[in-house]
Amino acid sequence: MRDFIAIDVETANFESSSICAIGAVKVEDGAIVDRRYSLVCPEPNYYNRRCMEVHGLCDDDTYDAPSFGTVWTQWSDWLAGYTLVAHNAAFDSKCIASACRIYGLEPPEDWSCTLRTARARIPRHVLPSKSLDSLCDFFGVSLQHHHNALDDALACAKLALVLSDL
């Protein structure tokens, strides 16, 4: 896999549609060529304390941010034709599909998952945890601000390239 977009979302609460930040990194021919990040006004628009502790975002950060529908529509041409890659794609794909439903948008269907790939290719005795930060440490991939959507997407892109060579 040499052409894809690594993507990551953060949520404001435990509702899958409550995306409050989205980051994406485009890879073409095995090289990172572009990246995007946006804060998002979550739907529903409230923050759970536990979620805020994870990513550090709160209502003050997103009160005037665009809706997911606006961001996704603005990004649609940029995303078109690419497989989306996420670390734990089950989470990110569910969140994006839920948010797409709210805004009457078609959710993406072509996903790949670095977590699933890592579990299949790296034996448990070699690396018990396949979390994003554990894999980054193991492969020497920089992960500057874990749970920042853009930094996580960038780390995911780099991991996808490393894992494709295993």
Protein backbone atom coordinates (compact mmCIF):
# COMPACT_ATOMS: atom_id res chain seq x y z
CA MET A 1 0.00 0.00 0.00
CA ARG A 2 1.74 3.13 -1.24
CA ASP A 3 -1.20 5.53 -1.82
CA PHE A 4 -3.63 6.22 1.03
CA ILE A 5 -4.84 8.78 3.54
CA ALA A 6 -4.19 8.12 7.22
CA ILE A 7 -6.95 9.63 9.32
CA ASP A 8 -7.70 10.09 13.00
CA VAL A 9 -10.60 11.60 14.93
CA GLU A 10 -11.09 12.66 18.52
CA THR A 11 -14.52 12.71 20.12
CA ALA A 12 -16.04 15.08 22.65
CA ASN A 13 -18.11 12.45 24.41
CA PHE A 14 -19.04 8.79 24.13
CA GLU A 15 -21.42 9.36 21.20
CA SER A 16 -19.66 8.11 18.08
CA SER A 17 -20.82 11.13 16.06
CA SER A 18 -19.23 13.65 18.47
CA ILE A 19 -16.08 14.30 16.44
CA CYS A 20 -14.32 17.38 17.81
CA ALA A 21 -11.07 17.13 15.84
CA ILE A 22 -9.98 15.40 12.65
CA GLY A 23 -6.53 14.99 11.17
CA ALA A 24 -5.50 13.41 7.88
CA VAL A 25 -2.20 12.73 6.11
CA LYS A 26 -2.02 11.94 2.40
CA VAL A 27 0.57 9.44 1.18
CA GLU A 28 1.38 9.04 -2.51
CA ASP A 29 3.91 6.55 -3.82
CA GLY A 30 5.06 5.92 -0.25
CA ALA A 31 5.76 9.58 0.58
CA ILE A 32 3.80 11.97 2.76
CA VAL A 33 2.65 14.73 0.41
CA ASP A 34 -0.02 16.66 2.32
CA ARG A 35 -1.83 16.94 5.63
CA ARG A 36 -4.99 18.52 6.99
CA TYR A 37 -6.37 19.25 10.43
CA SER A 38 -9.55 20.82 11.69
CA LEU A 39 -11.29 21.33 14.96
CA VAL A 40 -14.96 20.40 14.65
CA CYS A 41 -18.06 21.51 16.53
CA PRO A 42 -19.19 18.13 17.91
CA GLU A 43 -22.64 16.64 17.48
CA PRO A 44 -24.00 16.28 20.09
CA ASN A 45 -22.23 19.36 21.37
CA TYR A 46 -21.08 18.58 24.89
CA TYR A 47 -17.80 17.35 26.38
CA ASN A 48 -17.31 14.40 28.68
CA ARG A 49 -14.60 14.90 31.30
CA ARG A 50 -12.88 11.61 30.44
CA CYS A 51 -12.64 12.54 26.76
CA MET A 52 -11.26 15.96 27.64
CA GLU A 53 -8.59 14.29 29.80
CA VAL A 54 -7.53 12.14 26.84
CA HIS A 55 -7.17 14.80 24.13
CA GLY A 56 -7.22 18.08 26.05
CA LEU A 57 -9.96 19.70 23.96
CA CYS A 58 -13.00 21.42 25.43
CA ASP A 59 -15.94 23.57 24.40
CA ASP A 60 -13.78 26.71 24.36
CA ASP A 61 -11.69 25.12 21.60
CA THR A 62 -14.58 24.22 19.30
CA TYR A 63 -17.41 26.68 20.03
CA ASP A 64 -16.89 28.47 16.70
CA ALA A 65 -15.42 25.50 14.77
CA PRO A 66 -17.14 24.27 11.60
CA SER A 67 -19.49 21.31 11.69
CA PHE A 68 -18.28 17.89 10.60
CA GLY A 69 -20.52 18.23 7.55
CA THR A 70 -18.73 21.41 6.51
CA VAL A 71 -15.25 19.96 7.03
CA TRP A 72 -16.04 16.65 5.30
CA THR A 73 -17.59 18.43 2.33
CA GLN A 74 -14.56 20.74 2.03
CA TRP A 75 -12.24 17.73 2.16
CA SER A 76 -14.29 15.45 -0.13
CA ASP A 77 -12.30 16.07 -3.34
CA TRP A 78 -9.02 15.74 -1.44
CA LEU A 79 -10.16 12.39 0.05
CA ALA A 80 -11.70 10.97 -3.14
CA GLY A 81 -10.20 7.79 -4.50
CA TYR A 82 -7.98 6.99 -1.52
CA THR A 83 -8.17 4.14 0.95
CA LEU A 84 -8.49 5.53 4.47
CA VAL A 85 -6.10 4.07 7.02
CA ALA A 86 -6.55 4.40 10.77
CA HIS A 87 -5.09 2.86 13.87
CA ASN A 88 -8.12 0.99 15.21
CA ALA A 89 -10.15 1.73 12.09
CA ALA A 90 -13.21 0.20 13.77
CA PHE A 91 -13.39 3.31 15.97
CA ASP A 92 -12.58 5.98 13.38
CA SER A 93 -14.78 4.46 10.67
CA LYS A 94 -17.71 4.17 13.09
CA CYS A 95 -17.32 7.81 14.17
CA ILE A 96 -17.04 9.11 10.63
CA ALA A 97 -19.99 6.99 9.45
CA SER A 98 -22.11 8.25 12.37
CA ALA A 99 -21.22 11.87 11.67
CA CYS A 100 -21.84 11.38 7.94
CA ARG A 101 -25.34 10.04 8.69
CA ILE A 102 -26.18 13.14 10.74
CA TYR A 103 -25.17 15.43 7.86
CA GLY A 104 -26.65 13.31 5.06
CA LEU A 105 -23.25 12.42 3.60
CA GLU A 106 -22.01 9.13 2.17
CA PRO A 107 -19.53 7.52 4.57
CA PRO A 108 -16.31 6.12 3.12
CA GLU A 109 -16.20 2.36 2.67
CA ASP A 110 -12.57 1.64 1.79
CA TRP A 111 -10.65 1.28 5.08
CA SER A 112 -7.45 -0.35 6.26
CA CYS A 113 -6.35 -0.74 9.86
CA THR A 114 -2.79 -0.53 11.19
CA LEU A 115 -3.87 -2.12 14.48
CA ARG A 116 -5.25 -5.18 12.70
CA THR A 117 -2.15 -5.35 10.46
CA ALA A 118 0.19 -5.09 13.45
CA ARG A 119 -1.68 -7.85 15.29
CA ALA A 120 -1.36 -10.10 12.25
CA ARG A 121 2.33 -9.41 11.56
CA ILE A 122 3.98 -8.89 14.95
CA PRO A 123 3.88 -11.82 17.36
CA ARG A 124 2.54 -11.13 20.84
CA HIS A 125 5.79 -12.31 22.48
CA VAL A 126 7.72 -9.72 20.44
CA LEU A 127 5.40 -6.81 21.28
CA PRO A 128 2.45 -7.51 23.59
CA SER A 129 0.71 -4.14 23.12
CA LYS A 130 -0.20 -2.97 19.65
CA SER A 131 -1.32 0.50 20.79
CA LEU A 132 -0.31 3.40 18.59
CA ASP A 133 2.26 4.69 21.07
CA SER A 134 3.72 1.21 21.70
CA LEU A 135 4.14 0.58 17.97
CA CYS A 136 5.71 4.01 17.48
CA ASP A 137 8.21 3.30 20.26
CA PHE A 138 8.95 -0.15 18.84
CA PHE A 139 9.59 1.10 15.29
CA GLY A 140 11.17 4.44 16.23
CA VAL A 141 8.31 6.47 14.74
CA SER A 142 7.90 9.95 16.20
CA LEU A 143 4.61 10.54 18.00
CA GLN A 144 4.83 14.03 19.42
CA HIS A 145 1.37 14.67 20.88
CA HIS A 146 -0.56 11.44 21.30
CA HIS A 147 -4.32 12.06 20.93
CA ASN A 148 -3.80 15.12 18.76
CA ALA A 149 -5.68 14.04 15.64
CA LEU A 150 -3.04 15.28 13.19
CA ASP A 151 -0.09 13.84 15.12
CA ASP A 152 -1.88 10.48 15.46
CA ALA A 153 -2.71 10.48 11.73
CA LEU A 154 0.92 11.26 10.89
CA ALA A 155 2.16 8.44 13.13
CA CYS A 156 -0.43 6.11 11.60
CA ALA A 157 0.75 6.99 8.08
CA LYS A 158 4.36 6.25 9.01
CA LEU A 159 3.37 2.98 10.72
CA ALA A 160 1.32 1.90 7.69
CA LEU A 161 4.42 2.31 5.54
CA VAL A 162 6.62 0.39 8.01
CA LEU A 163 4.05 -2.40 8.38
CA SER A 164 3.65 -2.74 4.61
CA ASP A 165 7.34 -3.65 4.41
CA LEU A 166 7.11 -6.47 7.00
